[in-house]
């Protein structure tokens, strides 16, 4: 099998690292690029996979007509309305990262997220949740051309963390590690994140983020269900997220828009569409967000509108509109004051910090997909397809073995909720409650006022 996995410019050899025999990538060999392929290298001359993932440059797909035979073959296998979950899509449309890592980009503006707890009133906290939410989507798209992240394999995990503005990264000697949570080696002043693929059929991802010192956490699960729509592909995002402010006793639940890959026969592009609700049961505040799809004739792309209400009031006290991938503006109804919700041209994203692949566990995203990523970066579709197929076959073999032994899959970091969805096993709220006595709402409010 390994010898068959070759291409014009790549040759494969058995990896010499002493990885665990249970590694999900066991048997996958490292591709070596020919001198003509410009890939980053370590001082030892090996491919620098960490640098590959930090490289944001990406060659656009261009016209799908360049891959006409592949597209024609794909279209011959599908019908309008067909579920695409089990359809193998061509490798050349892949983006060089896992879907789990894409979810992490929801926190590319970490200061917008942690700033929620600094707001003095329920109205302002709800509006800050809305600001963070509306600004969280543009960083998830690395290219103007639609590309598809890797489908995470069962048990895959991605971890990262971010530094915040105004907080100097600690020196190693002075570093105070949290010691637990999603990224035990980060500090209480950093925002940490972890995601796990908890189910393969249906494909469900669960993820969690927290900032210890700000006492804020976010928990979510998403089930992606894709369908062929003729000239486009629709992805229905079924799931829910919850922002929890520990010092206020407030929970903000939210849903997610659907995604669409438009113009799949020419130059594909991404569009978001659908209704989203953000609400806090404790305060009664609610936001209705509409991601508007472009009309067939005329109209603009990527439009979003938002209205925020208090309790049973029928008139919104805050409205916003614009484009989710460029700029949005808002207005406070009572005062008439206007503001810029976000402007991509002036809003700098924070680079996530990820452990080097050499220190990652065998089931972590960047380590799992490193050979596919290197092949895609070298524009070698054949080698990328071979590496991807090998991973998928390893998964099928493992699933068959579990079925033969009547063994159920055991998740690592998340567990199913009694009613619906998934939850992180050791969230900040649970860890704090296990270490300190319960405080009254008055004490929590007093603590919040001292921030």
Protein backbone atom coordinates (compact mmCIF):
# COMPACT_ATOMS: atom_id res chain seq x y z
CA UNK A 1 0.00 0.00 0.00
CA UNK A 2 2.82 2.38 0.91
CA UNK A 3 4.62 1.86 -2.40
CA UNK A 4 1.44 2.59 -4.27
CA UNK A 5 1.17 5.95 -2.54
CA UNK A 6 3.51 7.91 -4.82
CA UNK A 7 3.38 10.74 -7.33
CA UNK A 8 5.53 12.55 -9.90
CA UNK A 9 7.27 14.82 -7.42
CA UNK A 10 6.93 12.97 -4.13
CA UNK A 11 8.39 9.76 -2.80
CA UNK A 12 7.30 8.10 0.42
CA UNK A 13 9.22 6.29 3.11
CA UNK A 14 8.40 4.72 6.44
CA UNK A 15 8.54 7.25 9.25
CA UNK A 16 11.30 6.45 11.69
CA UNK A 17 9.76 8.08 14.75
CA UNK A 18 8.91 5.77 17.65
CA UNK A 19 5.21 6.63 17.78
CA UNK A 20 2.72 4.57 19.69
CA UNK A 21 1.35 1.59 17.80
CA UNK A 22 -2.16 2.84 18.55
CA UNK A 23 -1.55 6.08 16.70
CA UNK A 24 -4.35 6.94 14.27
CA UNK A 25 -1.68 7.76 11.68
CA UNK A 26 0.22 4.49 12.10
CA UNK A 27 1.54 3.32 8.77
CA UNK A 28 1.30 6.75 7.13
CA UNK A 29 4.67 7.65 5.70
CA UNK A 30 6.33 11.02 5.37
CA UNK A 31 6.38 12.51 1.89
CA UNK A 32 9.64 14.01 0.71
CA UNK A 33 9.40 16.89 -1.72
CA UNK A 34 11.68 17.10 -4.69
CA UNK A 35 14.06 20.11 -4.70
CA UNK A 36 11.71 21.98 -7.04
CA UNK A 37 9.01 22.09 -4.36
CA UNK A 38 9.42 25.06 -2.06
CA UNK A 39 8.50 23.76 1.39
CA UNK A 40 9.87 25.12 4.69
CA UNK A 41 12.66 23.03 6.18
CA UNK A 42 14.21 22.59 9.61
CA UNK A 43 17.95 22.94 10.18
CA UNK A 44 18.21 19.18 9.71
CA UNK A 45 16.63 19.43 6.28
CA UNK A 46 13.34 17.83 7.33
CA UNK A 47 9.99 19.31 6.32
CA UNK A 48 8.96 21.90 8.93
CA UNK A 49 5.33 20.95 9.46
CA UNK A 50 4.80 23.60 12.14
CA UNK A 51 5.80 26.31 9.67
CA UNK A 52 3.41 24.84 7.09
CA UNK A 53 0.47 25.37 9.42
CA UNK A 54 1.57 28.91 10.30
CA UNK A 55 1.78 29.80 6.60
CA UNK A 56 -1.42 31.66 5.71
CA UNK A 57 -0.59 31.89 2.01
CA UNK A 58 -2.85 29.79 -0.15
CA UNK A 59 -3.08 29.31 -3.88
CA UNK A 60 -6.62 29.95 -5.05
CA UNK A 61 -8.53 27.12 -6.59
CA UNK A 62 -9.26 29.06 -9.74
CA UNK A 63 -11.86 27.82 -12.15
CA UNK A 64 -13.33 24.40 -11.48
CA UNK A 65 -13.15 23.94 -15.23
CA UNK A 66 -9.45 23.16 -14.71
CA UNK A 67 -10.59 19.98 -12.98
CA UNK A 68 -13.47 19.25 -15.33
CA UNK A 69 -13.16 15.47 -15.43
CA UNK A 70 -13.07 15.19 -11.64
CA UNK A 71 -16.07 17.49 -11.21
CA UNK A 72 -18.03 15.63 -13.89
CA UNK A 73 -17.34 12.32 -12.14
CA UNK A 74 -18.44 13.80 -8.80
CA UNK A 75 -21.68 15.20 -10.22
CA UNK A 76 -22.51 11.83 -11.75
CA UNK A 77 -22.64 10.35 -8.24
CA UNK A 78 -25.01 12.86 -6.64
CA UNK A 79 -28.60 14.02 -6.97
CA UNK A 80 -30.29 17.22 -5.82
CA UNK A 81 -31.13 16.97 -2.12
CA UNK A 82 -28.71 14.11 -1.57
CA UNK A 83 -26.86 13.93 1.76
CA UNK A 84 -23.14 14.42 1.05
CA UNK A 85 -21.89 13.12 4.40
CA UNK A 86 -20.52 9.91 2.89
CA UNK A 87 -19.56 11.33 -0.52
CA UNK A 88 -15.79 11.59 -1.01
CA UNK A 89 -15.05 15.07 -2.36
CA UNK A 90 -11.96 15.73 -4.53
CA UNK A 91 -8.77 16.57 -2.64
CA UNK A 92 -8.01 19.72 -4.63
CA UNK A 93 -10.83 21.61 -2.88
CA UNK A 94 -9.37 21.00 0.59
CA UNK A 95 -8.14 23.76 2.87
CA UNK A 96 -4.94 23.05 4.79
CA UNK A 97 -6.44 22.59 8.24
CA UNK A 98 -8.98 20.52 10.12
CA UNK A 99 -12.54 21.66 10.75
CA UNK A 100 -11.70 21.56 14.46
CA UNK A 101 -9.02 24.20 13.91
CA UNK A 102 -11.47 26.31 11.91
CA UNK A 103 -13.83 26.38 14.89
CA UNK A 104 -10.97 27.82 16.96
CA UNK A 105 -10.92 30.86 14.67
CA UNK A 106 -14.19 31.95 16.28
CA UNK A 107 -11.84 33.39 18.93
CA UNK A 108 -9.43 35.12 16.55
CA UNK A 109 -10.44 38.31 18.39
CA UNK A 110 -10.06 37.00 21.95
CA UNK A 111 -10.32 40.46 23.50
CA UNK A 112 -13.84 40.84 22.09
CA UNK A 113 -14.83 37.64 23.88
CA UNK A 114 -13.33 38.29 27.32
CA UNK A 115 -14.51 41.92 27.23
CA UNK A 116 -18.06 40.62 27.79
CA UNK A 117 -17.42 40.35 31.55
CA UNK A 118 -16.18 43.96 31.73
CA UNK A 119 -19.54 45.40 30.69
CA UNK A 120 -21.45 46.96 33.66
CA UNK A 121 -25.07 46.20 32.70
CA UNK A 122 -27.11 43.32 31.21
CA UNK A 123 -27.77 45.38 28.08
CA UNK A 124 -24.12 46.13 27.49
CA UNK A 125 -23.11 42.53 28.18
CA UNK A 126 -25.65 41.25 25.66
CA UNK A 127 -24.43 43.75 23.06
CA UNK A 128 -20.82 42.71 23.66
CA UNK A 129 -21.80 39.06 23.15
CA UNK A 130 -23.34 40.18 19.84
CA UNK A 131 -20.19 42.14 18.87
CA UNK A 132 -18.00 39.11 19.51
CA UNK A 133 -20.37 36.75 17.71
CA UNK A 134 -20.73 38.92 14.58
CA UNK A 135 -16.96 39.44 14.33
CA UNK A 136 -16.17 35.74 14.80
CA UNK A 137 -16.90 34.50 11.27
CA UNK A 138 -14.57 36.40 8.96
CA UNK A 139 -11.38 34.87 10.40
CA UNK A 140 -12.66 31.38 9.62
CA UNK A 141 -12.32 31.98 5.88
CA UNK A 142 -8.71 31.93 4.72
CA UNK A 143 -9.48 32.52 1.05
CA UNK A 144 -12.01 34.32 -1.10
CA UNK A 145 -12.46 31.00 -2.91
CA UNK A 146 -14.49 28.34 -1.11
CA UNK A 147 -12.36 25.50 0.23
CA UNK A 148 -13.30 22.70 2.57
CA UNK A 149 -11.43 21.95 5.82
CA UNK A 150 -10.47 18.35 6.53
CA UNK A 151 -13.26 16.25 7.99
CA UNK A 152 -11.98 15.45 11.52
CA UNK A 153 -11.49 11.77 12.20
CA UNK A 154 -13.18 10.20 15.23
CA UNK A 155 -11.28 11.06 18.41
CA UNK A 156 -9.29 13.87 16.79
CA UNK A 157 -8.44 16.74 19.17
CA UNK A 158 -7.23 20.30 18.56
CA UNK A 159 -5.83 22.57 21.30
CA UNK A 160 -4.59 26.16 21.22
CA UNK A 161 -4.53 29.39 23.19
CA UNK A 162 -4.24 33.14 22.63
CA UNK A 163 -2.47 36.08 24.26
CA UNK A 164 -4.58 39.16 24.99
CA UNK A 165 -3.89 42.80 24.26
CA UNK A 166 -2.06 44.54 27.07
CA UNK A 167 -0.97 41.28 28.70
CA UNK A 168 2.73 40.52 28.27
CA UNK A 169 3.49 36.83 27.58
CA UNK A 170 5.29 35.50 30.67
CA UNK A 171 8.88 34.33 30.66
CA UNK A 172 9.20 30.58 31.09
CA UNK A 173 10.77 31.06 34.51
CA UNK A 174 7.91 33.24 35.75
CA UNK A 175 5.08 31.43 34.01
CA UNK A 176 2.11 30.50 36.19
CA UNK A 177 0.36 27.59 34.49
CA UNK A 178 -3.31 26.83 35.15
CA UNK A 179 -2.43 23.13 35.41
CA UNK A 180 -5.82 21.90 34.22
CA UNK A 181 -8.56 22.75 31.74
CA UNK A 182 -8.30 22.56 27.95
CA UNK A 183 -4.65 23.72 27.78
CA UNK A 184 -2.97 23.03 31.14
CA UNK A 185 0.28 24.78 30.17
CA UNK A 186 -1.27 28.19 29.41
CA UNK A 187 -1.59 30.97 32.02
CA UNK A 188 -4.73 32.30 33.77
CA UNK A 189 -4.45 35.44 31.59
CA UNK A 190 -4.62 33.54 28.30
CA UNK A 191 -7.71 32.29 26.47
CA UNK A 192 -7.56 28.53 25.93
CA UNK A 193 -9.49 26.28 23.54
CA UNK A 194 -10.00 22.58 22.87
CA UNK A 195 -12.14 20.68 20.35
CA UNK A 196 -12.85 16.98 19.88
CA UNK A 197 -14.59 15.01 17.15
CA UNK A 198 -17.00 13.07 19.34
CA UNK A 199 -18.99 11.27 16.63
CA UNK A 200 -18.34 10.15 13.07
CA UNK A 201 -21.90 9.22 11.99
CA UNK A 202 -23.37 11.76 12.37
CA UNK A 203 -20.29 14.01 12.25
CA UNK A 204 -20.38 15.96 15.53
CA UNK A 205 -17.68 18.30 16.84
CA UNK A 206 -17.64 19.60 20.41
CA UNK A 207 -15.48 22.51 21.54
CA UNK A 208 -14.81 24.57 24.64
CA UNK A 209 -12.95 27.80 25.54
CA UNK A 210 -12.21 29.59 28.80
CA UNK A 211 -10.34 32.48 30.41
CA UNK A 212 -9.57 31.67 34.03
CA UNK A 213 -8.96 35.15 35.43
CA UNK A 214 -11.98 36.64 33.64
CA UNK A 215 -14.11 33.69 34.79
CA UNK A 216 -15.79 33.24 31.42
CA UNK A 217 -16.30 30.05 29.40
CA UNK A 218 -17.86 28.94 26.12
CA UNK A 219 -19.14 25.48 25.29
CA UNK A 220 -20.61 24.26 21.99
CA UNK A 221 -21.38 21.29 19.79
CA UNK A 222 -22.08 21.29 16.06
CA UNK A 223 -23.40 18.59 13.77
CA UNK A 224 -22.77 19.41 10.12
CA UNK A 225 -25.23 18.01 7.58
CA UNK A 226 -24.44 18.74 3.94
CA UNK A 227 -26.68 18.48 0.87
CA UNK A 228 -26.22 18.84 -2.87
CA UNK A 229 -28.39 21.70 -4.15
CA UNK A 230 -27.59 21.62 -7.87
CA UNK A 231 -25.24 24.55 -8.49
CA UNK A 232 -24.29 24.80 -4.82
CA UNK A 233 -23.68 22.75 -1.69
CA UNK A 234 -25.53 23.52 1.53
CA UNK A 235 -24.20 22.76 5.02
CA UNK A 236 -26.79 22.78 7.80
CA UNK A 237 -25.11 23.49 11.14
CA UNK A 238 -27.18 21.81 13.84
CA UNK A 239 -26.06 22.64 17.34
CA UNK A 240 -25.85 25.16 20.13
CA UNK A 241 -23.27 27.19 22.03
CA UNK A 242 -23.35 28.74 25.52
CA UNK A 243 -21.35 31.67 26.88
CA UNK A 244 -21.23 31.49 30.70
CA UNK A 245 -20.27 34.44 32.91
CA UNK A 246 -19.46 32.89 36.25
CA UNK A 247 -19.50 36.10 38.31
CA UNK A 248 -22.89 37.20 36.98
CA UNK A 249 -24.63 33.82 36.90
CA UNK A 250 -25.58 34.53 33.25
CA UNK A 251 -25.71 32.10 30.33
CA UNK A 252 -26.05 33.27 26.74
CA UNK A 253 -27.16 30.50 24.38
CA UNK A 254 -26.69 30.85 20.65
CA UNK A 255 -27.11 28.95 17.41
CA UNK A 256 -25.17 28.94 14.13
CA UNK A 257 -25.93 29.97 10.53
CA UNK A 258 -25.89 27.54 7.62
CA UNK A 259 -23.10 27.61 5.06
CA UNK A 260 -23.28 27.41 1.27
CA UNK A 261 -20.68 26.71 -1.37
CA UNK A 262 -21.95 28.66 -4.38
CA UNK A 263 -20.98 28.46 -8.09
CA UNK A 264 -19.38 25.05 -7.69
CA UNK A 265 -18.90 24.64 -11.45
CA UNK A 266 -16.89 27.85 -11.89
CA UNK A 267 -15.15 29.73 -9.04
CA UNK A 268 -16.78 28.63 -5.75
CA UNK A 269 -17.44 31.11 -2.95
CA UNK A 270 -18.76 30.83 0.59
CA UNK A 271 -22.05 32.27 1.78
CA UNK A 272 -23.72 32.17 5.19
CA UNK A 273 -27.50 32.12 5.54
CA UNK A 274 -30.26 31.58 8.07
CA UNK A 275 -31.64 32.87 11.35
CA UNK A 276 -29.66 32.86 14.58
CA UNK A 277 -30.94 33.53 18.10
CA UNK A 278 -28.78 34.70 21.02
CA UNK A 279 -30.56 34.91 24.35
CA UNK A 280 -29.96 35.11 28.09
CA UNK A 281 -32.70 33.51 30.20
CA UNK A 282 -31.42 35.15 33.38
CA UNK A 283 -31.73 38.74 32.08
CA UNK A 284 -34.43 38.28 29.43
CA UNK A 285 -32.34 39.89 26.70
CA UNK A 286 -32.47 38.43 23.20
CA UNK A 287 -30.85 39.07 19.83
CA UNK A 288 -32.22 38.02 16.44
CA UNK A 289 -29.55 37.75 13.75
CA UNK A 290 -30.31 37.21 10.06
CA UNK A 291 -27.61 36.05 7.66
CA UNK A 292 -29.09 37.02 4.29
CA UNK A 293 -28.29 35.01 1.18
CA UNK A 294 -27.77 36.92 -2.06
CA UNK A 295 -30.86 37.14 -4.29
CA UNK A 296 -30.58 35.48 -7.71
CA UNK A 297 -30.79 38.92 -9.36
CA UNK A 298 -29.10 41.93 -7.82
CA UNK A 299 -28.44 42.43 -4.13
CA UNK A 300 -25.23 42.23 -2.12
CA UNK A 301 -23.32 39.25 -0.78
CA UNK A 302 -22.69 38.45 2.89
CA UNK A 303 -25.33 40.76 4.36
CA UNK A 304 -26.24 40.48 8.05
CA UNK A 305 -28.84 42.27 10.19
CA UNK A 306 -29.29 42.12 13.95
CA UNK A 307 -31.86 43.38 16.45
CA UNK A 308 -31.43 43.19 20.24
CA UNK A 309 -34.43 43.29 22.58
CA UNK A 310 -34.95 43.56 26.35
CA UNK A 311 -37.55 41.30 27.92
CA UNK A 312 -40.98 41.66 26.35
CA UNK A 313 -40.17 44.97 24.64
CA UNK A 314 -41.16 44.97 20.97
CA UNK A 315 -38.77 47.72 19.94
CA UNK A 316 -35.07 46.79 19.70
CA UNK A 317 -32.67 48.89 21.77
CA UNK A 318 -29.71 48.02 19.49
CA UNK A 319 -29.61 47.30 15.75
CA UNK A 320 -26.72 46.35 13.47
CA UNK A 321 -26.20 45.68 9.79
CA UNK A 322 -23.41 45.15 7.28
CA UNK A 323 -21.34 42.30 5.88
CA UNK A 324 -19.98 39.53 8.11
CA UNK A 325 -16.71 39.33 6.17
CA UNK A 326 -15.86 43.06 5.97
CA UNK A 327 -17.61 45.62 8.20
CA UNK A 328 -20.73 46.10 10.32
CA UNK A 329 -22.22 49.22 11.88
CA UNK A 330 -24.75 49.58 14.71
CA UNK A 331 -27.06 52.08 16.38
CA UNK A 332 -28.36 52.45 19.93
CA UNK A 333 -32.06 53.20 19.48
CA UNK A 334 -32.71 55.48 22.49
CA UNK A 335 -29.66 57.73 22.17
CA UNK A 336 -29.21 57.48 18.42
CA UNK A 337 -25.50 56.86 18.98
CA UNK A 338 -23.82 54.89 16.19
CA UNK A 339 -20.75 52.70 16.28
CA UNK A 340 -18.65 50.35 14.19
CA UNK A 341 -19.23 46.80 15.36
CA UNK A 342 -16.11 45.62 13.56
CA UNK A 343 -14.03 46.53 10.52
CA UNK A 344 -11.82 43.80 9.10
CA UNK A 345 -9.54 46.41 7.52
CA UNK A 346 -8.51 47.76 10.93
CA UNK A 347 -9.22 44.81 13.24
CA UNK A 348 -6.16 42.65 13.74
CA UNK A 349 -6.68 38.95 14.36
CA UNK A 350 -4.65 37.25 17.05
CA UNK A 351 -2.56 34.28 15.95
CA UNK A 352 -3.41 31.19 17.94
CA UNK A 353 -0.58 29.48 19.76
CA UNK A 354 -0.32 25.75 19.16
CA UNK A 355 2.13 23.24 20.64
CA UNK A 356 4.80 22.03 18.18
CA UNK A 357 3.81 18.86 16.34
CA UNK A 358 6.74 17.06 17.97
CA UNK A 359 5.01 17.59 21.34
CA UNK A 360 1.50 16.74 20.20
CA UNK A 361 -0.28 13.49 20.98
CA UNK A 362 -0.89 11.11 18.04
CA UNK A 363 -4.58 12.08 17.88
CA UNK A 364 -4.07 15.87 17.64
CA UNK A 365 -5.17 17.59 14.44
CA UNK A 366 -1.97 19.06 13.07
CA UNK A 367 -0.03 15.86 13.68
CA UNK A 368 -2.73 13.68 12.10
CA UNK A 369 -3.03 15.77 8.92
CA UNK A 370 0.61 16.91 8.50
CA UNK A 371 1.35 14.79 5.41
CA UNK A 372 -1.85 15.85 3.65
CA UNK A 373 -1.04 19.47 4.52
CA UNK A 374 2.49 19.21 3.13
CA UNK A 375 1.26 17.65 -0.11
CA UNK A 376 -1.39 20.34 -0.60
CA UNK A 377 1.17 23.08 0.10
CA UNK A 378 3.35 21.53 -2.62
CA UNK A 379 0.34 21.49 -4.99
CA UNK A 380 0.64 17.70 -5.29
CA UNK A 381 -2.98 16.56 -5.39
CA UNK A 382 -2.07 12.93 -5.99
CA UNK A 383 0.10 12.68 -2.88
CA UNK A 384 -2.48 14.51 -0.77
CA UNK A 385 -5.21 12.14 -1.97
CA UNK A 386 -3.06 9.12 -1.10
CA UNK A 387 -2.28 10.38 2.42
CA UNK A 388 -5.95 11.23 3.01
CA UNK A 389 -7.12 7.80 1.82
CA UNK A 390 -4.65 6.07 4.10
CA UNK A 391 -6.00 7.96 7.12
CA UNK A 392 -9.56 7.12 6.15
CA UNK A 393 -8.75 3.44 5.68
CA UNK A 394 -7.09 3.36 9.10
CA UNK A 395 -10.31 4.74 10.56
CA UNK A 396 -12.44 2.14 8.78
CA UNK A 397 -10.20 -0.68 9.99
CA UNK A 398 -10.39 0.61 13.58
CA UNK A 399 -14.19 0.90 13.38
CA UNK A 400 -14.47 -2.67 12.07
CA UNK A 401 -12.26 -3.95 14.87
CA UNK A 402 -14.45 -2.24 17.49
CA UNK A 403 -17.58 -3.68 15.87
CA UNK A 404 -16.08 -7.18 15.79
CA UNK A 405 -15.16 -6.89 19.47
CA UNK A 406 -18.50 -5.25 20.35
CA UNK A 407 -16.65 -2.24 21.79
CA UNK A 408 -18.26 1.20 21.94
CA UNK A 409 -16.21 4.30 21.13
CA UNK A 410 -15.16 6.23 24.24
CA UNK A 411 -14.76 10.00 23.97
CA UNK A 412 -11.91 11.72 25.78
CA UNK A 413 -12.88 15.25 26.82
CA UNK A 414 -16.61 15.61 26.21
CA UNK A 415 -19.69 13.63 27.25
CA UNK A 416 -23.26 13.55 25.90
CA UNK A 417 -25.81 15.61 27.80
CA UNK A 418 -28.90 13.83 29.20
CA UNK A 419 -31.24 15.75 26.89
CA UNK A 420 -29.35 16.91 23.80
CA UNK A 421 -25.83 17.89 22.82
CA UNK A 422 -22.40 17.51 24.38
CA UNK A 423 -20.59 19.10 27.31
CA UNK A 424 -16.96 19.51 28.35
CA UNK A 425 -16.11 17.18 31.23
CA UNK A 426 -14.18 19.66 33.38
CA UNK A 427 -15.35 23.22 32.61
CA UNK A 428 -14.04 26.18 34.58
CA UNK A 429 -17.33 26.48 36.46
CA UNK A 430 -17.14 22.91 37.72
CA UNK A 431 -13.45 23.19 38.69
CA UNK A 432 -14.01 26.40 40.61
CA UNK A 433 -17.08 25.04 42.42
CA UNK A 434 -15.13 21.97 43.49
CA UNK A 435 -12.40 24.15 45.04
CA UNK A 436 -14.34 27.02 46.63
CA UNK A 437 -17.58 27.36 48.60
CA UNK A 438 -20.66 28.70 46.80
CA UNK A 439 -21.05 32.48 46.79
CA UNK A 440 -24.34 34.34 46.89
CA UNK A 441 -25.50 36.41 43.87
CA UNK A 442 -24.65 39.55 45.89
CA UNK A 443 -21.09 38.37 46.44
CA UNK A 444 -20.73 37.49 42.76
CA UNK A 445 -21.95 40.94 41.76
CA UNK A 446 -19.56 42.62 44.21
CA UNK A 447 -16.67 40.61 42.76
CA UNK A 448 -17.67 41.64 39.24
CA UNK A 449 -17.77 45.33 40.23
CA UNK A 450 -14.15 45.19 41.41
CA UNK A 451 -12.85 44.22 37.96
